[in-house]
Amino acid sequence: MTGTAEHRGTAEYPTSAGRGVIAWSLWDGGSAAFNAVVTTFVFTVYLTGSSFGDKDVISAQLGWALAIAGLLVALLAPITGQRSDASGRRKLWLGVNTFIVVGLTAAMFFVQASPDFLLLGLILLAAGTVFYEFATVNYNAMLGQVSTPRTIGRVSGFGWSMGYFGGIVLLLILYFGFIHPDVGLFGVTDANGLSVRVSMLIAAAWFGLFALPLLFRVKEYTAPAATQRERVGFFRSYVLLGRDVAALWRNDRQMALFLIASAVFRDGLTGVFQFGGILAAGTFGFSSGDVIIFAIVANIIAGISTVLVGRLDDRLGAKNVMVVALSGTIVAGLAVFFFATGGATMFWIFGLLMCVFVGPAQSASRSFLARSIPAGREGEIFGLYATTGKAATFLAPTLFALFVSLSGSQVWGILGIALVLLVGLLLLIPVKSRQHPLA
């Protein structure tokens, strides 16, 4: 990464007194349209509803669709990141992939509440997931362009918090404007899934709008002359990737080990939100409206904690933050399990306590990696970060399902998620925190 003032800004708030940071972070706020609305709380819930057929069968089909998407990301993400590093078109490809996701999200409006439209919905969801992951590779790689060694933790945390707050605001708009009322804004009702379908249009517009400040405000990446790499063809990129992975294992074993550890615990952290709504409804008796309200509160808490802990990241180190956050998430998860007989109140208390730790762990993981990457290879390494993460995405769902199947009770799935987090924590502890300077 470059160390010039043009790219790095001031020591406290990079790029013109923080405007670059804010522009970069707003993309995170916009991406909540896909993370919170499409894949977690609205569109996937809509697709697995009774209007499309048997919910268990559809859930399995949705899982396979996302598995295929994950495989494509694992195969292609490092190459796209590597090529954007070499071409100096990091921001360009972020914009292209972002607006492909925007278009796919808007197209979900055409998924009517009928089994005849299930395949279309699954294709749009899987395709959106692929291009969203491609976009995040370049987005994460730009972290070093809007931060300094002193501020990278708080900038990363601010970005994560904007994602949470973006989710809060958008969910509130959709819930009270379209989904909750019998007749919502503009006379929209739930007939033929119209309230959800219109929500997809709002979500698409939200993402597109919040992506614009980054595209206009943050300058395109320019690789330093000493780190520029030759441009090669698509398939030759895989040869270079294989060579680089082997070199990474030989020369920077700690980074390689961190990528493995983070892949495991990030999947566990994803599982906290992925299955939190399912547990709230199935085990603790939440209505669909209660689930969304819980999601909003959870995002508020996660966002605030991520901002506050981001400052500790810069002072105490990202690894220390990750260890404490993962430990706290595990303890809170076990409390949800052991106090489950206490009903919804226990889930509100300990479920929200888990959210205190999830955001800081995710943000610290990103800042730890950003500090570790040699200059000029940010897109490639963040591509590997995405790849290893996708390679482990089966862990939390598999162990959740296994524990539920063996016990016959949904609440036991919490132990499956806690086990994934524990393994990730144990893999992280031996990783040394020696890191390359960013400037």
Protein backbone atom coordinates (compact mmCIF):
# COMPACT_ATOMS: atom_id res chain seq x y z
CA MET A 1 0.00 0.00 0.00
CA THR A 2 1.13 3.50 -0.59
CA GLY A 3 2.15 5.79 2.21
CA THR A 4 1.43 9.09 0.51
CA ALA A 5 -0.86 11.69 1.98
CA GLU A 6 -2.94 11.49 -1.17
CA HIS A 7 -3.97 7.95 -0.42
CA ARG A 8 -3.52 7.81 3.35
CA GLY A 9 -4.78 11.19 4.53
CA THR A 10 -4.09 12.55 7.98
CA ALA A 11 -3.02 10.47 10.95
CA GLU A 12 -6.31 10.75 12.78
CA TYR A 13 -8.87 10.77 9.99
CA PRO A 14 -7.55 9.87 6.54
CA THR A 15 -8.46 11.40 3.21
CA SER A 16 -9.47 15.00 3.74
CA ALA A 17 -10.47 14.99 7.41
CA GLY A 18 -12.47 11.81 7.28
CA ARG A 19 -14.54 12.33 4.12
CA GLY A 20 -12.80 9.38 2.48
CA VAL A 21 -13.49 7.21 5.53
CA ILE A 22 -17.15 8.20 5.55
CA ALA A 23 -17.50 7.63 1.81
CA TRP A 24 -15.85 4.21 2.13
CA SER A 25 -17.96 3.27 5.16
CA LEU A 26 -21.24 4.27 3.52
CA TRP A 27 -20.78 1.32 1.16
CA ASP A 28 -20.97 -0.90 4.24
CA GLY A 29 -24.18 0.89 5.23
CA GLY A 30 -25.62 0.29 1.79
CA SER A 31 -24.58 -3.36 1.72
CA ALA A 32 -27.03 -4.00 4.57
CA ALA A 33 -29.64 -4.05 1.82
CA PHE A 34 -28.19 -7.36 0.69
CA ASN A 35 -26.95 -8.76 4.01
CA ALA A 36 -29.89 -7.93 6.24
CA VAL A 37 -32.79 -7.69 3.81
CA VAL A 38 -32.01 -10.20 1.06
CA THR A 39 -30.05 -13.01 2.73
CA THR A 40 -31.16 -12.87 6.38
CA PHE A 41 -34.46 -11.36 7.45
CA VAL A 42 -36.74 -10.71 4.47
CA PHE A 43 -36.20 -12.34 1.06
CA THR A 44 -34.92 -15.74 2.23
CA VAL A 45 -37.74 -15.88 4.80
CA TYR A 46 -40.16 -15.09 1.96
CA LEU A 47 -38.69 -17.80 -0.29
CA THR A 48 -38.92 -20.49 2.39
CA GLY A 49 -42.53 -19.61 3.20
CA SER A 50 -45.53 -21.79 2.49
CA SER A 51 -46.38 -19.91 -0.71
CA PHE A 52 -43.52 -21.67 -2.49
CA GLY A 53 -44.10 -25.21 -1.18
CA ASP A 54 -42.83 -27.39 1.65
CA LYS A 55 -40.51 -25.26 3.79
CA ASP A 56 -38.10 -28.10 4.60
CA VAL A 57 -37.66 -29.01 0.93
CA ILE A 58 -37.23 -25.37 -0.07
CA SER A 59 -34.74 -24.78 2.74
CA ALA A 60 -32.62 -27.63 1.39
CA GLN A 61 -32.84 -26.22 -2.15
CA LEU A 62 -31.86 -22.79 -0.88
CA GLY A 63 -28.90 -24.35 0.90
CA TRP A 64 -27.72 -26.04 -2.29
CA ALA A 65 -28.10 -22.82 -4.26
CA LEU A 66 -25.94 -20.96 -1.76
CA ALA A 67 -23.44 -23.84 -1.70
CA ILE A 68 -22.99 -23.53 -5.47
CA ALA A 69 -22.57 -19.78 -5.08
CA GLY A 70 -19.97 -20.36 -2.38
CA LEU A 71 -18.05 -22.74 -4.63
CA LEU A 72 -17.94 -20.16 -7.41
CA VAL A 73 -16.70 -17.53 -4.97
CA ALA A 74 -14.02 -19.89 -3.67
CA LEU A 75 -12.79 -20.53 -7.21
CA LEU A 76 -12.97 -16.99 -8.54
CA ALA A 77 -12.59 -14.49 -5.68
CA PRO A 78 -8.77 -14.67 -5.37
CA ILE A 79 -8.36 -14.32 -9.13
CA THR A 80 -10.62 -11.29 -9.38
CA GLY A 81 -8.80 -9.68 -6.46
CA GLN A 82 -5.39 -10.47 -7.93
CA ARG A 83 -6.32 -9.05 -11.32
CA SER A 84 -7.75 -5.86 -9.83
CA ASP A 85 -4.48 -5.36 -7.93
CA ALA A 86 -2.48 -5.77 -11.13
CA SER A 87 -4.73 -3.62 -13.31
CA GLY A 88 -5.15 -0.78 -10.83
CA ARG A 89 -8.92 -0.97 -11.29
CA ARG A 90 -9.94 -1.89 -7.77
CA LYS A 91 -12.64 0.78 -7.50
CA LEU A 92 -13.91 0.12 -11.02
CA TRP A 93 -14.59 -3.54 -10.31
CA LEU A 94 -16.10 -2.69 -6.95
CA GLY A 95 -18.56 -0.45 -8.80
CA VAL A 96 -19.31 -3.02 -11.50
CA ASN A 97 -19.96 -5.83 -9.02
CA THR A 98 -21.96 -3.58 -6.72
CA PHE A 99 -24.38 -2.50 -9.41
CA ILE A 100 -24.77 -6.05 -10.68
CA VAL A 101 -25.95 -6.89 -7.16
CA VAL A 102 -28.24 -3.86 -7.25
CA GLY A 103 -29.76 -5.09 -10.51
CA LEU A 104 -30.21 -8.65 -9.23
CA THR A 105 -31.83 -7.36 -6.03
CA ALA A 106 -34.26 -5.22 -8.03
CA ALA A 107 -35.08 -8.24 -10.22
CA MET A 108 -36.31 -10.06 -7.11
CA PHE A 109 -39.44 -7.92 -7.46
CA PHE A 110 -40.52 -10.36 -10.18
CA VAL A 111 -40.45 -13.36 -7.81
CA GLN A 112 -44.15 -13.77 -7.15
CA ALA A 113 -45.51 -15.85 -4.27
CA SER A 114 -45.88 -19.07 -6.27
CA PRO A 115 -43.87 -22.29 -6.66
CA ASP A 116 -43.47 -21.37 -10.34
CA PHE A 117 -41.15 -18.53 -9.32
CA LEU A 118 -39.02 -20.42 -6.78
CA LEU A 119 -36.26 -21.27 -9.26
CA LEU A 120 -36.00 -17.64 -10.34
CA GLY A 121 -35.71 -16.56 -6.74
CA LEU A 122 -32.98 -19.09 -6.00
CA ILE A 123 -30.99 -18.11 -9.10
CA LEU A 124 -31.19 -14.41 -8.27
CA LEU A 125 -30.19 -15.07 -4.67
CA ALA A 126 -27.21 -17.26 -5.64
CA ALA A 127 -26.02 -14.88 -8.35
CA GLY A 128 -26.36 -11.90 -6.03
CA THR A 129 -24.30 -13.72 -3.41
CA VAL A 130 -21.48 -14.38 -5.90
CA PHE A 131 -21.21 -10.80 -7.11
CA TYR A 132 -21.63 -9.40 -3.61
CA GLU A 133 -18.64 -11.45 -2.45
CA PHE A 134 -16.63 -10.24 -5.45
CA ALA A 135 -17.46 -6.66 -4.46
CA THR A 136 -16.41 -7.19 -0.85
CA VAL A 137 -12.98 -8.42 -1.97
CA ASN A 138 -12.23 -5.05 -3.55
CA TYR A 139 -14.03 -3.12 -0.82
CA ASN A 140 -11.96 -4.74 1.95
CA ALA A 141 -8.78 -4.22 -0.07
CA MET A 142 -9.50 -0.46 -0.11
CA LEU A 143 -9.34 -0.28 3.69
CA GLY A 144 -5.64 0.57 3.53
CA GLN A 145 -6.33 3.46 1.15
CA VAL A 146 -8.53 5.28 3.68
CA SER A 147 -6.65 4.47 6.89
CA THR A 148 -3.26 4.76 8.53
CA PRO A 149 -1.41 2.37 10.85
CA ARG A 150 -2.83 4.34 13.79
CA THR A 151 -6.44 4.36 12.61
CA ILE A 152 -7.02 1.13 10.72
CA GLY A 153 -8.80 -0.57 13.62
CA ARG A 154 -11.23 2.26 14.23
CA VAL A 155 -11.81 2.76 10.50
CA SER A 156 -12.58 -0.94 10.05
CA GLY A 157 -14.86 -0.82 13.10
CA PHE A 158 -16.59 2.29 11.80
CA GLY A 159 -17.26 0.51 8.52
CA TRP A 160 -18.75 -2.51 10.27
CA SER A 161 -20.88 -0.25 12.46
CA MET A 162 -22.21 1.57 9.40
CA GLY A 163 -23.30 -1.81 8.08
CA TYR A 164 -25.22 -2.47 11.27
CA PHE A 165 -26.78 0.98 11.40
CA GLY A 166 -27.68 0.77 7.72
CA GLY A 167 -29.48 -2.47 8.45
CA ILE A 168 -31.33 -0.88 11.34
CA VAL A 169 -32.65 2.06 9.34
CA LEU A 170 -33.55 0.03 6.27
CA LEU A 171 -35.32 -2.69 8.29
CA LEU A 172 -37.32 -0.01 10.12
CA ILE A 173 -38.36 1.57 6.82
CA LEU A 174 -39.39 -1.74 5.30
CA TYR A 175 -41.07 -3.12 8.41
CA PHE A 176 -43.20 -0.11 9.26
CA GLY A 177 -43.62 1.12 5.72
CA PHE A 178 -44.49 -2.08 3.86
CA ILE A 179 -44.28 -5.41 5.72
CA HIS A 180 -46.05 -4.84 9.04
CA PRO A 181 -49.13 -2.76 8.02
CA ASP A 182 -52.10 -4.44 6.35
CA VAL A 183 -51.90 -1.61 3.81
CA GLY A 184 -48.48 -0.02 3.59
CA LEU A 185 -47.11 3.00 1.82
CA PHE A 186 -48.46 3.61 -1.69
CA GLY A 187 -51.27 1.16 -0.94
CA VAL A 188 -48.93 -1.86 -0.94
CA THR A 189 -50.36 -5.04 0.63
CA ASP A 190 -48.97 -8.54 1.12
CA ALA A 191 -51.11 -9.96 -1.71
CA ASN A 192 -48.93 -12.14 -3.95
CA GLY A 193 -45.91 -11.17 -1.85
CA LEU A 194 -46.10 -7.56 -3.04
CA SER A 195 -44.90 -6.06 0.25
CA VAL A 196 -41.71 -8.13 0.14
CA ARG A 197 -41.24 -7.63 -3.60
CA VAL A 198 -41.50 -3.84 -3.28
CA SER A 199 -39.06 -4.08 -0.38
CA MET A 200 -36.54 -5.55 -2.82
CA LEU A 201 -36.84 -2.46 -5.01
CA ILE A 202 -36.26 -0.23 -1.99
CA ALA A 203 -33.28 -2.35 -0.95
CA ALA A 204 -31.76 -2.14 -4.44
CA ALA A 205 -32.11 1.64 -4.50
CA TRP A 206 -30.64 1.86 -0.99
CA PHE A 207 -27.51 -0.10 -1.93
CA GLY A 208 -26.98 1.81 -5.18
CA LEU A 209 -27.38 5.19 -3.50
CA PHE A 210 -25.00 4.47 -0.63
CA ALA A 211 -22.36 3.04 -2.96
CA LEU A 212 -22.02 6.31 -4.88
CA PRO A 213 -19.97 8.33 -2.33
CA LEU A 214 -17.15 5.78 -2.38
CA LEU A 215 -17.13 5.65 -6.17
CA PHE A 216 -16.95 9.44 -6.47
CA ARG A 217 -14.90 10.35 -3.38
CA VAL A 218 -12.22 7.67 -2.91
CA LYS A 219 -9.49 7.70 -5.54
CA GLU A 220 -8.69 4.68 -7.67
CA TYR A 221 -5.90 2.47 -6.39
CA THR A 222 -2.47 2.86 -7.95
CA ALA A 223 0.08 0.16 -7.17
CA PRO A 224 3.51 1.42 -6.09
CA ALA A 225 6.12 0.83 -8.80
CA ALA A 226 8.03 -1.58 -6.58
CA THR A 227 5.01 -3.82 -6.12
CA GLN A 228 3.46 -3.74 -9.59
CA ARG A 229 2.86 -7.15 -11.10
CA GLU A 230 2.65 -8.26 -14.68
CA ARG A 231 -0.77 -8.58 -16.27
CA VAL A 232 -1.51 -12.11 -17.34
CA GLY A 233 -4.41 -14.02 -18.85
CA PHE A 234 -7.26 -15.44 -16.81
CA PHE A 235 -6.01 -19.03 -16.59
CA ARG A 236 -2.41 -17.96 -16.07
CA SER A 237 -3.71 -16.11 -13.00
CA TYR A 238 -4.39 -19.49 -11.37
CA VAL A 239 -0.77 -20.50 -11.91
CA LEU A 240 0.39 -17.32 -10.21
CA LEU A 241 -2.16 -17.86 -7.44
CA GLY A 242 -0.89 -21.38 -6.76
CA ARG A 243 2.65 -20.10 -6.64
CA ASP A 244 1.69 -17.28 -4.28
CA VAL A 245 -0.25 -19.58 -1.94
CA ALA A 246 2.75 -21.92 -1.71
CA ALA A 247 5.03 -18.95 -1.06
CA LEU A 248 2.61 -17.62 1.58
CA TRP A 249 2.76 -20.93 3.43
CA ARG A 250 6.56 -21.02 3.24
CA ASN A 251 7.32 -17.39 3.95
CA ASP A 252 4.44 -16.12 6.06
CA ARG A 253 3.09 -19.13 7.90
CA GLN A 254 1.35 -16.91 10.44
CA MET A 255 -0.83 -15.27 7.80
CA ALA A 256 -1.71 -18.66 6.37
CA LEU A 257 -2.64 -19.96 9.81
CA PHE A 258 -4.71 -16.84 10.47
CA LEU A 259 -6.65 -17.33 7.24
CA ILE A 260 -7.53 -20.87 8.40
CA ALA A 261 -8.50 -19.80 11.92
CA SER A 262 -10.54 -16.83 10.73
CA ALA A 263 -12.37 -18.97 8.19
CA VAL A 264 -13.62 -21.18 11.01
CA PHE A 265 -14.60 -18.55 13.54
CA ARG A 266 -16.10 -16.21 10.91
CA ASP A 267 -18.43 -19.03 9.88
CA GLY A 268 -19.43 -19.41 13.52
CA LEU A 269 -20.07 -15.66 13.78
CA THR A 270 -22.16 -15.79 10.62
CA GLY A 271 -24.11 -18.67 12.14
CA VAL A 272 -25.03 -16.51 15.13
CA PHE A 273 -27.11 -14.27 12.87
CA GLN A 274 -27.99 -16.92 10.32
CA PHE A 275 -29.70 -19.15 12.87
CA GLY A 276 -30.60 -16.54 15.45
CA GLY A 277 -33.92 -15.75 13.80
CA ILE A 278 -34.72 -19.44 13.38
CA LEU A 279 -34.07 -20.10 17.07
CA ALA A 280 -36.02 -17.02 18.13
CA ALA A 281 -39.10 -18.18 16.24
CA GLY A 282 -38.83 -21.95 16.65
CA THR A 283 -37.54 -22.31 20.22
CA PHE A 284 -38.44 -19.06 21.98
CA GLY A 285 -41.82 -18.36 20.36
CA PHE A 286 -41.06 -15.09 18.55
CA SER A 287 -43.50 -13.97 15.85
CA SER A 288 -42.10 -12.86 12.49
CA GLY A 289 -42.54 -9.26 13.58
CA ASP A 290 -40.75 -9.97 16.87
CA VAL A 291 -37.83 -11.44 14.91
CA ILE A 292 -37.40 -8.24 12.90
CA ILE A 293 -37.63 -6.09 16.03
CA PHE A 294 -35.01 -8.28 17.68
CA ALA A 295 -32.85 -7.93 14.57
CA ILE A 296 -33.08 -4.14 14.75
CA VAL A 297 -32.09 -4.05 18.43
CA ALA A 298 -29.32 -6.57 17.78
CA ASN A 299 -27.91 -4.39 15.01
CA ILE A 300 -27.99 -1.31 17.25
CA ILE A 301 -26.03 -3.08 19.97
CA ALA A 302 -23.58 -4.68 17.54
CA GLY A 303 -23.01 -1.36 15.79
CA ILE A 304 -22.31 0.58 18.99
CA SER A 305 -19.97 -2.07 20.38
CA THR A 306 -18.07 -2.25 17.09
CA VAL A 307 -17.42 1.51 17.06
CA LEU A 308 -16.26 1.54 20.68
CA VAL A 309 -14.11 -1.57 20.47
CA GLY A 310 -12.55 -0.35 17.19
CA ARG A 311 -10.56 2.14 19.24
CA LEU A 312 -9.30 -0.64 21.51
CA ASP A 313 -8.25 -2.52 18.37
CA ASP A 314 -5.73 0.23 17.60
CA ARG A 315 -4.48 0.38 21.19
CA LEU A 316 -4.51 -3.23 22.37
CA GLY A 317 -4.16 -5.06 19.07
CA ALA A 318 -6.64 -6.84 16.83
CA LYS A 319 -5.75 -10.32 18.08
CA ASN A 320 -6.52 -9.44 21.70
CA VAL A 321 -9.88 -8.03 20.62
CA MET A 322 -10.68 -11.20 18.66
CA VAL A 323 -9.78 -13.52 21.53
CA VAL A 324 -11.92 -11.63 24.04
CA ALA A 325 -14.83 -11.19 21.59
CA LEU A 326 -14.89 -14.85 20.57
CA SER A 327 -14.70 -15.96 24.20
CA GLY A 328 -17.58 -13.66 25.08
CA THR A 329 -19.68 -14.92 22.16
CA ILE A 330 -19.15 -18.54 23.24
CA VAL A 331 -20.07 -17.85 26.87
CA ALA A 332 -23.20 -15.90 25.88
CA GLY A 333 -24.22 -18.65 23.46
CA LEU A 334 -23.89 -21.31 26.13
CA ALA A 335 -26.02 -19.13 28.43
CA VAL A 336 -28.76 -19.05 25.77
CA PHE A 337 -28.69 -22.85 25.74
CA PHE A 338 -28.59 -23.48 29.50
CA PHE A 339 -31.22 -20.85 30.33
CA ALA A 340 -33.52 -21.68 27.40
CA THR A 341 -36.29 -22.79 29.74
CA GLY A 342 -36.53 -19.16 30.85
CA GLY A 343 -38.23 -18.38 27.55
CA ALA A 344 -38.05 -15.27 25.38
CA THR A 345 -36.62 -13.10 28.16
CA MET A 346 -33.47 -15.24 28.33
CA PHE A 347 -33.05 -15.04 24.57
CA TRP A 348 -33.39 -11.27 24.64
CA ILE A 349 -30.75 -11.00 27.37
CA PHE A 350 -28.11 -13.46 26.23
CA GLY A 351 -28.88 -13.23 22.52
CA LEU A 352 -28.22 -9.50 22.63
CA LEU A 353 -25.12 -10.11 24.76
CA MET A 354 -23.76 -12.24 21.91
CA CYS A 355 -24.28 -9.28 19.57
CA VAL A 356 -22.01 -7.17 21.77
CA PHE A 357 -19.11 -9.40 20.74
CA VAL A 358 -19.91 -10.45 17.15
CA GLY A 359 -19.24 -7.11 15.44
CA PRO A 360 -15.89 -6.42 17.15
CA ALA A 361 -14.67 -9.92 16.31
CA GLN A 362 -15.55 -9.46 12.62
CA SER A 363 -14.03 -5.99 12.42
CA ALA A 364 -10.82 -6.98 14.22
CA SER A 365 -10.41 -9.91 11.87
CA ARG A 366 -10.45 -7.55 8.90
CA SER A 367 -8.06 -5.03 10.47
CA PHE A 368 -5.64 -7.78 11.58
CA LEU A 369 -5.43 -9.03 8.02
CA ALA A 370 -5.13 -5.54 6.51
CA ARG A 371 -2.12 -4.86 8.73
CA SER A 372 -0.51 -8.13 7.65
CA ILE A 373 -0.69 -7.88 3.85
CA PRO A 374 2.43 -6.97 1.84
CA ALA A 375 1.94 -3.86 -0.29
CA GLY A 376 0.32 -4.41 -3.67
CA ARG A 377 -1.35 -7.73 -2.82
CA GLU A 378 -4.38 -6.50 -0.89
CA GLY A 379 -7.00 -7.64 -3.41
CA GLU A 380 -5.41 -11.07 -3.81
CA ILE A 381 -5.08 -11.74 -0.08
CA PHE A 382 -8.57 -10.46 0.65
CA GLY A 383 -9.66 -12.77 -2.16
CA LEU A 384 -8.07 -15.64 -0.25
CA TYR A 385 -9.78 -14.30 2.87
CA ALA A 386 -13.09 -14.64 1.06
CA THR A 387 -12.12 -18.05 -0.34
CA THR A 388 -11.12 -19.57 2.99
CA GLY A 389 -14.25 -18.13 4.54
CA LYS A 390 -16.42 -19.70 1.85
CA ALA A 391 -14.53 -22.99 2.14
CA ALA A 392 -15.68 -23.20 5.76
CA THR A 393 -19.27 -22.10 5.29
CA PHE A 394 -20.54 -25.64 5.73
CA LEU A 395 -19.30 -25.90 9.34
CA ALA A 396 -21.93 -23.94 11.28
CA PRO A 397 -24.92 -25.18 9.23
CA THR A 398 -23.69 -28.79 9.40
CA LEU A 399 -23.05 -28.83 13.13
CA PHE A 400 -26.28 -26.94 13.83
CA ALA A 401 -28.23 -29.54 11.83
CA LEU A 402 -26.28 -32.44 13.36
CA PHE A 403 -26.93 -31.39 16.94
CA VAL A 404 -30.61 -30.77 16.20
CA SER A 405 -30.96 -34.14 14.44
CA LEU A 406 -29.24 -36.09 17.22
CA SER A 407 -31.15 -34.36 20.02
CA GLY A 408 -34.50 -33.88 18.30
CA SER A 409 -34.60 -30.34 19.70
CA GLN A 410 -33.75 -27.13 17.87
CA VAL A 411 -32.16 -25.47 20.88
CA TRP A 412 -29.29 -27.97 20.85
CA GLY A 413 -28.14 -26.41 17.58
CA ILE A 414 -26.68 -23.60 19.70
CA LEU A 415 -24.02 -26.02 20.88
CA GLY A 416 -23.06 -26.73 17.27
CA ILE A 417 -22.45 -23.03 16.61
CA ALA A 418 -20.57 -22.65 19.91
CA LEU A 419 -18.33 -25.57 18.95
CA VAL A 420 -17.40 -23.92 15.64
CA LEU A 421 -16.51 -20.71 17.48
CA LEU A 422 -14.45 -22.65 20.03
CA VAL A 423 -12.44 -24.43 17.34
CA GLY A 424 -11.81 -21.11 15.59
CA LEU A 425 -10.66 -19.55 18.87
CA LEU A 426 -8.27 -22.44 19.59
CA LEU A 427 -6.80 -22.12 16.09
CA LEU A 428 -6.39 -18.37 16.54
CA ILE A 429 -4.59 -18.40 19.88
CA PRO A 430 -1.24 -19.73 18.54
CA VAL A 431 -1.18 -17.22 15.67
CA LYS A 432 1.47 -14.58 16.26
CA SER A 433 0.38 -10.97 15.90
CA ARG A 434 3.58 -9.74 14.25
CA GLN A 435 2.36 -7.61 11.34
CA HIS A 436 3.66 -5.58 8.42
CA PRO A 437 3.35 -1.78 8.68
CA LEU A 438 0.73 -0.15 6.49
CA ALA A 439 2.76 2.90 5.67
